[in-house]
Amino acid sequence: MVTSLEYALWLDFGLFLATSALFVYVFMSSTITRLHKVYLTFHASLLLWPLCQFAAETTDDPFFQSFYLKAGFAGISVVGVAWTIFAVFLSGHSYLLHHRSMTALAVPTALVVALILLNPSGAFMRPVEEDYTDRVYGPIFWVMVAIQFVYLALSSGLLFRTLRDNVAPRHRRQIRMAMTGMIILAVFALADTFANVIFDADLPTISGLTSCGILFSVIYFVIAIRKYGVFDIVRIAQVNVVDSMSTGVAVLDEHDVVLETNRVFRRLFDIRTGDRLRIETLLEPLDAEGGTESFLQAYRGNPPKPAQIEVTFKDNDTFRHVIIHGEPIEANGVVIGRVLTFQDVSELRSLVESSYRQNEALQQRNRELVEMQAELYAMNQQLERMAITDSLTGCYNRRYLMQQLEHEIMTNIRYNIPFAIFLFDIDLFKSINDVYGHLVGDEVIKHTADTVRRCLRRTDIVARYGGEEFTVYLPHTNRAQAMMLAERVREAVSSSEVKTGRDGETVRVTISMGVLAVEESDPRRIDDAKEYLRELFSRADAALYQAKNGGRNRIVAAD
């Protein structure tokens, strides 16, 4: 028979495990930024409560019960200040967080935490009988509760003020998400306070209310983070770039399902993300100049080609003239989708039809159209570069490198062409971040990448593998050539200096490198290109770790 105490114990422990799992999920699935760190600090402070409640219910020793309960309340005391700092970042006012403001925010929490842990003369809590199963809360408890609601009022006021400003719809949704999640937690915490503290004598004990509030609010935060992309910085930047364009844009997959649209496209057509956009259905009610046959032949061709057509349709009481341009998206020769652009040229057409004699105005408008098309092309090129390169170093990213190598390496093996792979990372890079800060660390990574590129040939490909780790692919390179190039790279990096910004102080770094050269291989023994590629990188990685374990600043060739 499960007692109420055992039920409360395992309820709190289960809620702690669920909240911890959500914490790990957010941590592992998102790129870490300052906003991430603030949120994760807030999330971590929530974890202490169910854990300490569980721990307190597993012991009969009053000393340990008191210790666990005070630790839990200390953790919950940090929630208010952590949430307020998160709200400042989310509202875009992080510039307000300097040493004095941070101190002003942290001092009340620090004092309350100290008083909770010390519990002078039982002023925070004291047991009713021998242990803390039943307890009475003192004035420090109510000071803690008051301070939490001051933090809640301060952060809510800041978020409400931001909502009144002319912020983007995405930002507005994120702020509303944050406020809703915090309201969920506050409601459960208030219910716990009323049911189990204020009216404890009149009502039965309801265990786990605050823990349930923590779990439900965290679940809401996680769902909203994934839905609205709160932490997806690159994604937000891409959406803002596309939304700022004066041309309507729709991105389709290979099945004509709409993956993304911008603001101009949504004003022109009642089509949303997830709908299927068949170009034939879209063009059917429209008046196309010169017919649609040539456009559809290019659009649906095998392989598809860039296609353009001008259409006219009625919008309320006016006619709109729109140029539709379709561009296939290819990856390794395979069409994986299309980009449709819709340039509203109604004004231009009106000018042309109203006066043929204004040749100078027509020429200017034509130049504007060409410039807009060039701008669109440049933006498409920029988006493509963003998808395959690392923003810090300008090197290719890991995903692009692996896609290229799958094809390149199989071609090399088929025609018995030697090639080599370097895998290297910066020695003791963590100490550089610890001593000089992440800005200098980023500069060291960028400077190292630039130095390595200068030492290599035009045909060699440098990619950032992750963190301070890089990989280099060297086509038409045997083992002796690879070792010579590797030594040249190692010497160039070790002899270069990076300025730290501290009175002319510089820092030197070294690299450890694993080198793998493939000079002969039987293509009949390779069934899976991806598996073979993983095997090659595993061997290069083993050589890299052998170089680091051997003293760093050295090169080890893989067997």
Protein backbone atom coordinates (compact mmCIF):
# COMPACT_ATOMS: atom_id res chain seq x y z
CA MET A 1 0.00 0.00 0.00
CA VAL A 2 1.56 3.30 -1.09
CA THR A 3 1.40 5.96 1.63
CA SER A 4 0.73 9.63 0.92
CA LEU A 5 4.32 10.44 1.89
CA GLU A 6 5.70 7.89 -0.58
CA TYR A 7 3.35 9.20 -3.24
CA ALA A 8 4.56 12.78 -2.70
CA LEU A 9 8.19 11.58 -2.71
CA TRP A 10 8.02 9.81 -6.05
CA LEU A 11 5.81 12.50 -7.58
CA ASP A 12 8.48 15.14 -6.88
CA PHE A 13 11.24 12.85 -8.11
CA GLY A 14 9.35 12.05 -11.33
CA LEU A 15 8.71 15.74 -11.96
CA PHE A 16 12.40 16.45 -11.39
CA LEU A 17 13.39 13.80 -13.96
CA ALA A 18 10.88 15.16 -16.52
CA THR A 19 12.07 18.75 -16.03
CA SER A 20 15.72 17.65 -16.27
CA ALA A 21 15.00 15.78 -19.52
CA LEU A 22 13.46 18.93 -21.03
CA PHE A 23 16.49 20.92 -19.86
CA VAL A 24 18.87 18.50 -21.60
CA TYR A 25 16.69 18.58 -24.73
CA VAL A 26 16.86 22.38 -25.05
CA PHE A 27 20.59 22.36 -24.27
CA MET A 28 21.42 19.70 -26.87
CA SER A 29 19.13 20.92 -29.67
CA SER A 30 20.05 24.64 -29.73
CA THR A 31 23.07 26.75 -30.57
CA ILE A 32 24.44 28.35 -27.42
CA THR A 33 24.19 32.15 -27.28
CA ARG A 34 23.97 34.63 -24.40
CA LEU A 35 20.17 34.32 -24.53
CA HIS A 36 20.55 30.52 -24.25
CA LYS A 37 22.81 30.88 -21.22
CA VAL A 38 20.37 33.15 -19.43
CA TYR A 39 17.42 30.85 -20.17
CA LEU A 40 19.35 27.72 -19.15
CA THR A 41 20.35 29.41 -15.87
CA PHE A 42 16.67 30.15 -15.27
CA HIS A 43 15.77 26.56 -16.20
CA ALA A 44 18.50 25.11 -13.96
CA SER A 45 17.30 27.15 -10.98
CA LEU A 46 13.88 25.52 -11.45
CA LEU A 47 15.39 22.03 -11.24
CA LEU A 48 16.56 22.42 -7.63
CA TRP A 49 13.04 22.59 -6.20
CA PRO A 50 11.68 19.11 -7.11
CA LEU A 51 15.11 17.53 -6.49
CA CYS A 52 15.43 18.98 -2.99
CA GLN A 53 11.78 18.20 -2.19
CA PHE A 54 12.46 14.60 -3.17
CA ALA A 55 15.64 14.49 -1.11
CA ALA A 56 13.90 15.94 1.96
CA GLU A 57 11.20 13.29 1.77
CA THR A 58 13.73 10.42 1.63
CA THR A 59 15.22 11.08 5.08
CA ASP A 60 13.93 11.19 8.66
CA ASP A 61 16.97 13.11 9.93
CA PRO A 62 15.83 16.69 10.81
CA PHE A 63 19.27 18.10 9.93
CA PHE A 64 19.20 16.72 6.39
CA GLN A 65 15.53 17.57 5.98
CA SER A 66 16.33 21.17 6.91
CA PHE A 67 19.34 21.24 4.61
CA TYR A 68 17.44 19.93 1.56
CA LEU A 69 14.45 22.18 2.15
CA LYS A 70 16.60 25.29 2.53
CA ALA A 71 18.54 24.35 -0.65
CA GLY A 72 15.25 23.99 -2.54
CA PHE A 73 13.97 27.35 -1.34
CA ALA A 74 17.35 28.93 -2.17
CA GLY A 75 17.03 27.60 -5.71
CA ILE A 76 13.47 28.88 -6.06
CA SER A 77 14.68 32.29 -4.77
CA VAL A 78 17.05 32.55 -7.75
CA VAL A 79 14.18 32.03 -10.21
CA GLY A 80 12.98 35.63 -9.91
CA VAL A 81 16.27 37.33 -10.73
CA ALA A 82 17.10 34.76 -13.46
CA TRP A 83 13.68 35.32 -15.05
CA THR A 84 14.09 39.11 -14.89
CA ILE A 85 17.46 38.95 -16.67
CA PHE A 86 15.96 36.60 -19.29
CA ALA A 87 13.10 39.08 -19.82
CA VAL A 88 15.61 41.93 -20.30
CA PHE A 89 17.41 39.93 -23.01
CA LEU A 90 14.15 38.81 -24.67
CA SER A 91 12.82 42.37 -24.81
CA GLY A 92 15.98 43.57 -26.56
CA HIS A 93 17.20 45.73 -23.66
CA SER A 94 20.37 43.78 -22.79
CA TYR A 95 22.33 47.04 -22.95
CA LEU A 96 20.73 47.91 -19.59
CA LEU A 97 22.62 45.07 -17.91
CA HIS A 98 25.86 46.59 -16.64
CA HIS A 99 27.72 46.04 -13.36
CA ARG A 100 25.58 48.39 -11.28
CA SER A 101 22.21 47.15 -12.56
CA MET A 102 23.27 43.51 -12.23
CA THR A 103 24.39 44.18 -8.66
CA ALA A 104 21.10 45.91 -7.86
CA LEU A 105 19.18 42.92 -9.24
CA ALA A 106 21.29 40.28 -7.51
CA VAL A 107 21.73 41.80 -4.02
CA PRO A 108 18.14 41.13 -2.74
CA THR A 109 18.30 37.54 -3.94
CA ALA A 110 21.76 37.01 -2.46
CA LEU A 111 20.64 38.36 0.94
CA VAL A 112 17.48 36.23 0.98
CA VAL A 113 19.42 33.09 -0.03
CA ALA A 114 21.93 33.76 2.77
CA LEU A 115 19.12 34.22 5.33
CA ILE A 116 17.35 31.07 4.11
CA LEU A 117 20.50 28.97 4.46
CA LEU A 118 21.37 30.45 7.88
CA ASN A 119 17.74 30.35 9.14
CA PRO A 120 18.55 32.49 12.21
CA SER A 121 16.45 31.47 15.22
CA GLY A 122 14.05 29.66 12.87
CA ALA A 123 13.08 32.97 11.24
CA PHE A 124 12.70 31.22 7.89
CA MET A 125 11.14 27.94 9.01
CA ARG A 126 11.00 25.68 12.02
CA PRO A 127 9.60 22.18 12.58
CA VAL A 128 6.25 21.69 14.29
CA GLU A 129 7.42 18.56 16.06
CA GLU A 130 10.70 16.67 15.85
CA ASP A 131 11.21 16.72 12.08
CA TYR A 132 10.33 19.03 9.18
CA THR A 133 7.48 16.97 7.73
CA ASP A 134 5.21 19.61 9.25
CA ARG A 135 6.78 23.06 9.48
CA VAL A 136 5.95 26.69 10.17
CA TYR A 137 7.30 29.50 8.02
CA GLY A 138 8.65 32.72 9.48
CA PRO A 139 9.05 36.30 8.22
CA ILE A 140 12.04 35.50 5.97
CA PHE A 141 9.77 33.19 3.97
CA TRP A 142 7.32 36.02 3.31
CA VAL A 143 10.18 38.38 2.41
CA MET A 144 11.30 35.78 -0.16
CA VAL A 145 7.77 35.53 -1.60
CA ALA A 146 7.48 39.34 -1.78
CA ILE A 147 10.82 39.68 -3.56
CA GLN A 148 9.79 37.05 -6.14
CA PHE A 149 6.64 39.01 -6.94
CA VAL A 150 8.65 42.25 -7.20
CA TYR A 151 10.85 40.54 -9.80
CA LEU A 152 7.74 39.24 -11.58
CA ALA A 153 6.17 42.72 -11.64
CA LEU A 154 9.42 44.30 -12.88
CA SER A 155 9.89 41.80 -15.71
CA SER A 156 6.19 41.87 -16.67
CA GLY A 157 6.25 45.66 -16.87
CA LEU A 158 9.27 45.55 -19.15
CA LEU A 159 7.66 42.93 -21.43
CA PHE A 160 4.33 44.83 -21.55
CA ARG A 161 6.21 48.00 -22.47
CA THR A 162 8.00 46.16 -25.28
CA LEU A 163 4.67 44.82 -26.56
CA ARG A 164 3.34 48.37 -26.84
CA ASP A 165 6.31 49.32 -29.02
CA ASN A 166 6.27 48.68 -32.75
CA VAL A 167 8.03 45.29 -32.61
CA ALA A 168 8.02 42.56 -35.26
CA PRO A 169 5.22 39.94 -35.10
CA ARG A 170 7.75 37.16 -34.41
CA HIS A 171 9.20 39.13 -31.48
CA ARG A 172 5.69 39.83 -30.18
CA ARG A 173 4.85 36.09 -30.22
CA GLN A 174 8.05 35.27 -28.35
CA ILE A 175 7.27 37.80 -25.60
CA ARG A 176 3.71 36.52 -25.22
CA MET A 177 5.07 32.97 -25.00
CA ALA A 178 7.45 33.93 -22.21
CA MET A 179 4.75 35.76 -20.25
CA THR A 180 2.32 32.84 -20.56
CA GLY A 181 4.91 30.35 -19.30
CA MET A 182 5.73 32.50 -16.30
CA ILE A 183 2.04 33.03 -15.50
CA ILE A 184 1.60 29.23 -15.42
CA LEU A 185 4.42 28.92 -12.89
CA ALA A 186 3.18 31.85 -10.80
CA VAL A 187 -0.37 30.46 -10.60
CA PHE A 188 0.83 27.06 -9.37
CA ALA A 189 3.25 28.68 -6.88
CA LEU A 190 0.44 30.88 -5.53
CA ALA A 191 -1.86 27.88 -5.26
CA ASP A 192 0.86 26.03 -3.33
CA THR A 193 1.34 29.00 -0.98
CA PHE A 194 -2.37 29.35 -0.29
CA ALA A 195 -3.15 25.62 0.02
CA ASN A 196 -0.08 24.45 1.94
CA VAL A 197 1.01 27.54 3.88
CA ILE A 198 -1.71 30.15 4.45
CA PHE A 199 -4.69 27.76 4.75
CA ASP A 200 -2.68 24.73 5.80
CA ALA A 201 -4.85 24.14 8.85
CA ASP A 202 -8.11 24.26 6.90
CA LEU A 203 -7.20 22.38 3.74
CA PRO A 204 -5.66 18.95 3.11
CA THR A 205 -2.00 18.93 2.05
CA ILE A 206 -1.65 19.00 -1.77
CA SER A 207 1.86 17.79 -2.66
CA GLY A 208 3.83 18.82 -5.70
CA LEU A 209 1.89 21.94 -6.74
CA THR A 210 4.97 24.10 -7.31
CA SER A 211 6.79 21.15 -8.92
CA CYS A 212 3.85 20.62 -11.29
CA GLY A 213 3.87 24.33 -12.12
CA ILE A 214 7.58 24.13 -12.91
CA LEU A 215 7.02 21.12 -15.17
CA PHE A 216 4.03 22.61 -17.02
CA SER A 217 5.74 25.97 -17.53
CA VAL A 218 8.92 24.31 -18.79
CA ILE A 219 6.90 22.09 -21.16
CA TYR A 220 5.21 25.24 -22.49
CA PHE A 221 8.58 26.99 -22.86
CA VAL A 222 10.08 24.07 -24.78
CA ILE A 223 7.09 23.76 -27.14
CA ALA A 224 7.09 27.52 -27.76
CA ILE A 225 10.88 27.62 -28.28
CA ARG A 226 10.64 24.94 -30.97
CA LYS A 227 7.51 26.47 -32.54
CA TYR A 228 8.66 30.08 -32.68
CA GLY A 229 12.42 29.48 -33.04
CA VAL A 230 13.32 31.78 -30.14
CA PHE A 231 16.99 30.68 -30.13
CA ASP A 232 17.43 29.98 -33.83
CA ILE A 233 19.54 33.04 -34.64
CA VAL A 234 20.51 32.07 -38.21
CA ARG A 235 16.90 31.21 -39.02
CA ILE A 236 15.65 34.54 -37.67
CA ALA A 237 18.27 36.43 -39.70
CA GLN A 238 17.31 34.60 -42.90
CA VAL A 239 13.59 35.27 -42.37
CA ASN A 240 14.25 38.97 -41.71
CA VAL A 241 16.37 39.26 -44.87
CA VAL A 242 13.68 37.64 -47.04
CA ASP A 243 10.84 39.59 -45.37
CA SER A 244 12.61 42.90 -46.04
CA MET A 245 12.66 42.30 -49.81
CA SER A 246 10.25 44.13 -52.08
CA THR A 247 9.74 40.93 -54.11
CA GLY A 248 7.37 38.12 -53.14
CA VAL A 249 9.20 34.87 -52.42
CA ALA A 250 7.94 31.29 -51.98
CA VAL A 251 10.21 28.30 -51.36
CA LEU A 252 8.81 24.89 -52.39
CA ASP A 253 10.09 21.37 -51.86
CA GLU A 254 10.29 18.73 -54.58
CA HIS A 255 6.58 17.90 -54.07
CA ASP A 256 5.46 21.55 -54.52
CA VAL A 257 4.70 21.92 -50.81
CA VAL A 258 5.27 25.50 -49.58
CA LEU A 259 8.13 25.61 -47.05
CA GLU A 260 8.43 29.38 -46.61
CA THR A 261 6.91 32.62 -47.86
CA ASN A 262 7.65 36.27 -47.22
CA ARG A 263 5.38 39.20 -46.39
CA VAL A 264 4.95 40.42 -50.01
CA PHE A 265 3.91 36.95 -51.25
CA ARG A 266 1.30 36.60 -48.50
CA ARG A 267 -0.22 39.94 -49.55
CA LEU A 268 -0.52 38.74 -53.16
CA PHE A 269 -1.90 35.21 -52.65
CA ASP A 270 -3.95 33.37 -50.03
CA ILE A 271 -1.39 30.57 -49.74
CA ARG A 272 0.31 29.60 -46.49
CA THR A 273 3.17 27.41 -45.35
CA GLY A 274 2.27 23.71 -45.74
CA ASP A 275 -0.11 24.26 -48.67
CA ARG A 276 0.61 22.61 -52.00
CA LEU A 277 1.29 25.17 -54.71
CA ARG A 278 0.94 23.67 -58.17
CA ILE A 279 2.02 26.34 -60.65
CA GLU A 280 -0.52 25.12 -63.23
CA THR A 281 -3.38 25.70 -60.78
CA LEU A 282 -2.00 29.11 -59.83
CA LEU A 283 -1.72 30.24 -63.48
CA GLU A 284 -5.07 28.84 -64.65
CA PRO A 285 -7.29 31.82 -63.65
CA LEU A 286 -4.62 34.40 -64.55
CA ASP A 287 -4.13 36.21 -67.83
CA ALA A 288 -0.61 35.29 -69.00
CA GLU A 289 1.06 37.36 -71.69
CA GLY A 290 2.04 35.06 -74.58
CA GLY A 291 0.51 31.96 -72.91
CA THR A 292 1.91 29.61 -70.31
CA GLU A 293 3.20 26.76 -72.50
CA SER A 294 6.84 27.85 -72.79
CA PHE A 295 7.00 28.76 -69.10
CA LEU A 296 5.61 25.37 -68.01
CA GLN A 297 7.94 23.50 -70.36
CA ALA A 298 10.95 25.12 -68.73
CA TYR A 299 9.49 24.86 -65.21
CA ARG A 300 8.52 21.16 -65.50
CA GLY A 301 11.34 20.16 -67.83
CA ASN A 302 13.81 17.38 -67.14
CA PRO A 303 16.04 18.87 -66.00
CA PRO A 304 14.02 21.97 -65.03
CA LYS A 305 15.33 25.36 -66.15
CA PRO A 306 14.86 28.91 -64.87
CA ALA A 307 11.51 30.18 -66.20
CA GLN A 308 9.79 33.55 -66.23
CA ILE A 309 6.31 34.74 -67.15
CA GLU A 310 4.25 37.90 -66.72
CA VAL A 311 0.66 37.52 -65.54
CA THR A 312 -2.26 39.86 -64.89
CA PHE A 313 -4.99 39.38 -62.28
CA LYS A 314 -7.68 41.48 -60.65
CA ASP A 315 -7.07 42.63 -57.10
CA ASN A 316 -10.20 44.36 -55.74
CA ASP A 317 -10.93 47.02 -58.37
CA THR A 318 -7.43 47.23 -59.87
CA PHE A 319 -5.37 45.01 -62.14
CA ARG A 320 -1.97 43.82 -61.02
CA HIS A 321 0.87 42.85 -63.34
CA VAL A 322 3.29 40.40 -61.76
CA ILE A 323 6.44 38.77 -63.13
CA ILE A 324 6.78 35.19 -61.86
CA HIS A 325 10.28 33.75 -61.90
CA GLY A 326 10.94 30.07 -61.09
CA GLU A 327 14.43 28.88 -60.19
CA PRO A 328 15.19 25.18 -59.43
CA ILE A 329 17.18 24.36 -56.27
CA GLU A 330 19.73 21.63 -56.92
CA ALA A 331 22.03 19.60 -54.68
CA ASN A 332 24.60 17.36 -56.38
CA GLY A 333 22.61 17.49 -59.60
CA VAL A 334 19.31 16.51 -57.97
CA VAL A 335 16.38 18.97 -57.86
CA ILE A 336 15.26 19.26 -54.23
CA GLY A 337 12.88 22.20 -54.62
CA ARG A 338 12.20 25.55 -56.27
CA VAL A 339 12.27 29.24 -55.45
CA LEU A 340 9.40 31.27 -56.91
CA THR A 341 9.68 35.06 -56.96
CA PHE A 342 6.80 37.43 -57.69
CA GLN A 343 7.77 40.93 -58.76
CA ASP A 344 4.85 43.33 -58.84
CA VAL A 345 5.37 45.49 -61.97
CA SER A 346 1.90 46.99 -62.05
CA GLU A 347 3.20 50.51 -61.71
CA LEU A 348 5.76 49.96 -64.43
CA ARG A 349 3.16 48.57 -66.79
CA SER A 350 0.86 51.50 -66.05
CA LEU A 351 3.59 53.91 -67.05
CA VAL A 352 4.35 52.00 -70.24
CA GLU A 353 0.71 51.83 -71.28
CA SER A 354 -0.02 55.48 -70.41
CA SER A 355 2.78 57.07 -72.40
CA TYR A 356 5.13 55.51 -74.96
CA ARG A 357 6.75 58.86 -75.54
CA GLN A 358 8.34 59.03 -72.10
CA ASN A 359 11.32 56.95 -73.19
CA GLU A 360 13.63 58.36 -70.55
CA ALA A 361 11.23 57.40 -67.74
CA LEU A 362 10.79 53.96 -69.27
CA GLN A 363 14.52 53.38 -69.42
CA GLN A 364 14.90 54.41 -65.79
CA ARG A 365 12.14 52.01 -64.75
CA ASN A 366 13.75 49.23 -66.75
CA ARG A 367 17.04 49.90 -65.01
CA GLU A 368 15.24 49.71 -61.65
CA LEU A 369 13.74 46.39 -62.63
CA VAL A 370 17.14 45.05 -63.63
CA GLU A 371 18.61 46.30 -60.36
CA MET A 372 15.83 44.63 -58.38
CA GLN A 373 16.44 41.37 -60.23
CA ALA A 374 20.17 41.71 -59.57
CA GLU A 375 19.41 42.39 -55.89
CA LEU A 376 17.24 39.28 -55.77
CA TYR A 377 19.96 37.20 -57.41
CA ALA A 378 22.55 38.59 -54.99
CA MET A 379 20.31 37.83 -52.01
CA ASN A 380 19.75 34.29 -53.28
CA GLN A 381 23.51 33.88 -53.61
CA GLN A 382 23.97 35.26 -50.10
CA LEU A 383 21.40 32.83 -48.67
CA GLU A 384 23.14 29.96 -50.45
CA ARG A 385 26.52 31.02 -49.03
CA MET A 386 25.00 31.28 -45.55
CA ALA A 387 23.77 27.70 -45.88
CA ILE A 388 27.19 26.19 -46.74
CA THR A 389 29.72 28.37 -44.89
CA ASP A 390 30.70 29.07 -41.29
CA SER A 391 29.87 32.66 -40.37
CA LEU A 392 32.94 33.20 -38.13
CA THR A 393 35.75 31.85 -40.32
CA GLY A 394 34.29 31.95 -43.82
CA CYS A 395 35.27 28.28 -44.23
CA TYR A 396 32.83 25.69 -45.52
CA ASN A 397 30.71 24.06 -42.83
CA ARG A 398 30.73 20.39 -41.93
CA ARG A 399 27.47 19.57 -43.71
CA TYR A 400 28.68 20.96 -47.04
CA LEU A 401 32.05 19.23 -46.72
CA MET A 402 30.46 15.83 -46.14
CA GLN A 403 28.15 16.25 -49.13
CA GLN A 404 31.09 17.13 -51.37
CA LEU A 405 33.33 14.36 -50.06
CA GLU A 406 30.77 11.62 -50.67
CA HIS A 407 30.99 12.29 -54.39
CA GLU A 408 34.67 13.34 -54.55
CA ILE A 409 36.09 10.37 -52.66
CA MET A 410 34.13 7.76 -54.63
CA THR A 411 35.39 9.38 -57.87
CA ASN A 412 38.98 9.30 -56.55
CA ILE A 413 38.71 5.63 -55.63
CA ARG A 414 37.06 4.69 -58.92
CA TYR A 415 39.91 6.25 -60.95
CA ASN A 416 42.67 5.46 -58.40
CA ILE A 417 43.39 9.15 -57.65
CA PRO A 418 45.31 9.73 -54.40
CA PHE A 419 43.88 12.13 -51.84
CA ALA A 420 44.46 13.13 -48.23
CA ILE A 421 42.48 14.41 -45.24
CA PHE A 422 43.76 16.59 -42.38
CA LEU A 423 41.91 16.73 -39.08
CA PHE A 424 43.33 19.25 -36.61
CA ASP A 425 42.32 21.38 -33.66
CA ILE A 426 43.80 24.22 -31.66
CA ASP A 427 45.78 23.07 -28.62
CA LEU A 428 44.62 24.21 -25.18
CA PHE A 429 41.93 26.40 -26.73
CA LYS A 430 39.78 26.34 -23.58
CA SER A 431 42.54 28.08 -21.62
CA ILE A 432 42.54 30.92 -24.16
CA ASN A 433 38.79 31.43 -23.62
CA ASP A 434 39.26 31.25 -19.84
CA VAL A 435 42.14 33.76 -19.78
CA TYR A 436 41.26 36.22 -22.55
CA GLY A 437 37.53 35.72 -23.10
CA HIS A 438 35.41 34.40 -25.97
CA LEU A 439 35.98 37.41 -28.25
CA VAL A 440 39.73 36.71 -28.32
CA GLY A 441 38.91 33.00 -28.65
CA ASP A 442 36.82 33.74 -31.75
CA GLU A 443 39.66 35.87 -33.15
CA VAL A 444 42.11 32.98 -32.58
CA ILE A 445 39.81 30.58 -34.47
CA LYS A 446 39.41 33.07 -37.37
CA HIS A 447 43.13 33.88 -37.49
CA THR A 448 44.04 30.17 -37.48
CA ALA A 449 41.62 29.47 -40.35
CA ASP A 450 43.08 32.37 -42.38
CA THR A 451 46.64 31.15 -41.73
CA VAL A 452 45.79 27.60 -42.83
CA ARG A 453 44.09 28.81 -46.01
CA ARG A 454 47.19 30.79 -47.00
CA CYS A 455 49.32 27.64 -46.75
CA LEU A 456 47.12 25.48 -48.98
CA ARG A 457 46.46 25.21 -52.68
CA ARG A 458 43.43 26.53 -54.54
CA THR A 459 42.03 23.03 -54.99
CA ASP A 460 42.19 22.18 -51.26
CA ILE A 461 39.00 22.55 -49.19
CA VAL A 462 39.10 23.83 -45.60
CA ALA A 463 36.01 23.30 -43.40
CA ARG A 464 35.22 24.05 -39.79
CA TYR A 465 34.43 20.64 -38.33
CA GLY A 466 33.12 22.01 -35.03
CA GLY A 467 34.32 24.35 -32.27
CA GLU A 468 38.09 24.76 -32.62
CA GLU A 469 38.38 21.67 -34.85
CA PHE A 470 38.98 21.88 -38.62
CA THR A 471 39.34 19.46 -41.49
CA VAL A 472 41.09 19.84 -44.85
CA TYR A 473 40.46 17.79 -47.99
CA LEU A 474 43.44 17.63 -50.40
CA PRO A 475 42.68 16.08 -53.82
CA HIS A 476 45.48 14.61 -55.99
CA THR A 477 47.77 14.37 -52.95
CA ASN A 478 49.91 11.38 -51.93
CA ARG A 479 51.24 10.65 -48.46
CA ALA A 480 54.59 12.48 -48.89
CA GLN A 481 52.90 15.60 -50.27
CA ALA A 482 50.30 15.51 -47.48
CA MET A 483 52.95 15.33 -44.75
CA MET A 484 54.89 18.20 -46.36
CA LEU A 485 51.76 20.38 -46.53
CA ALA A 486 50.77 19.42 -42.99
CA GLU A 487 54.17 20.48 -41.66
CA ARG A 488 53.92 23.77 -43.55
CA VAL A 489 50.51 24.41 -41.96
CA ARG A 490 51.70 23.48 -38.46
CA GLU A 491 54.77 25.75 -38.67
CA ALA A 492 52.73 28.68 -40.06
CA VAL A 493 50.18 28.47 -37.23
CA SER A 494 52.78 28.10 -34.46
CA SER A 495 54.75 31.10 -35.72
CA SER A 496 51.75 33.45 -36.05
CA GLU A 497 50.51 35.81 -33.34
CA VAL A 498 47.02 37.03 -32.45
CA LYS A 499 46.47 40.38 -30.71
CA THR A 500 44.49 40.18 -27.48
CA GLY A 501 43.71 43.89 -27.17
CA ARG A 502 45.55 44.13 -23.83
CA ASP A 503 48.26 46.76 -24.23
CA GLY A 504 49.74 45.15 -27.32
CA GLU A 505 49.80 41.68 -25.75
CA THR A 506 49.66 38.80 -28.24
CA VAL A 507 48.98 35.10 -27.97
CA ARG A 508 50.49 32.20 -29.89
CA VAL A 509 48.72 28.93 -30.52
CA THR A 510 49.70 25.53 -31.85
CA ILE A 511 47.72 22.78 -33.51
CA SER A 512 47.72 19.01 -33.31
CA MET A 513 46.96 17.21 -36.53
CA GLY A 514 45.95 13.78 -37.75
CA VAL A 515 46.84 13.09 -41.42
CA LEU A 516 45.21 10.38 -43.51
CA ALA A 517 46.45 9.70 -47.06
CA VAL A 518 44.64 7.26 -49.38
CA GLU A 519 46.80 6.25 -52.33
CA GLU A 520 45.25 2.94 -53.34
CA SER A 521 41.87 1.40 -52.67
CA ASP A 522 39.62 -1.23 -54.21
CA PRO A 523 36.22 0.28 -55.13
CA ARG A 524 34.64 -3.20 -55.05
CA ARG A 525 35.17 -3.35 -51.28
CA ILE A 526 33.17 -0.16 -50.67
CA ASP A 527 29.42 -0.70 -50.43
CA ASP A 528 28.37 2.52 -48.69
CA ALA A 529 30.07 5.87 -49.40
CA LYS A 530 28.84 7.42 -46.15
CA GLU A 531 30.08 4.51 -44.06
CA TYR A 532 33.46 4.58 -45.82
CA LEU A 533 33.70 8.34 -45.20
CA ARG A 534 32.93 7.83 -41.50
CA GLU A 535 35.69 5.21 -41.36
CA LEU A 536 38.21 7.62 -42.93
CA PHE A 537 37.37 10.38 -40.47
CA SER A 538 37.50 7.92 -37.58
CA ARG A 539 41.06 6.99 -38.56
CA ALA A 540 42.06 10.64 -38.95
CA ASP A 541 40.44 11.43 -35.59
CA ALA A 542 42.39 8.62 -33.92
CA ALA A 543 45.60 10.06 -35.35
CA LEU A 544 44.63 13.51 -34.07
CA TYR A 545 44.11 12.21 -30.52
CA GLN A 546 47.41 10.36 -30.75
CA ALA A 547 49.09 13.67 -31.64
CA LYS A 548 47.44 15.43 -28.69
CA ASN A 549 48.32 12.63 -26.28
CA GLY A 550 51.88 12.70 -27.61
CA GLY A 551 52.49 16.25 -26.44
CA ARG A 552 50.50 18.45 -28.89
CA ASN A 553 51.94 20.72 -31.64
CA ARG A 554 52.69 17.69 -33.74
CA ILE A 555 51.49 15.65 -36.71
CA VAL A 556 50.59 11.98 -36.67
CA ALA A 557 49.86 10.03 -39.84
CA ALA A 558 47.04 7.51 -39.65
CA ASP A 559 47.78 3.90 -40.48
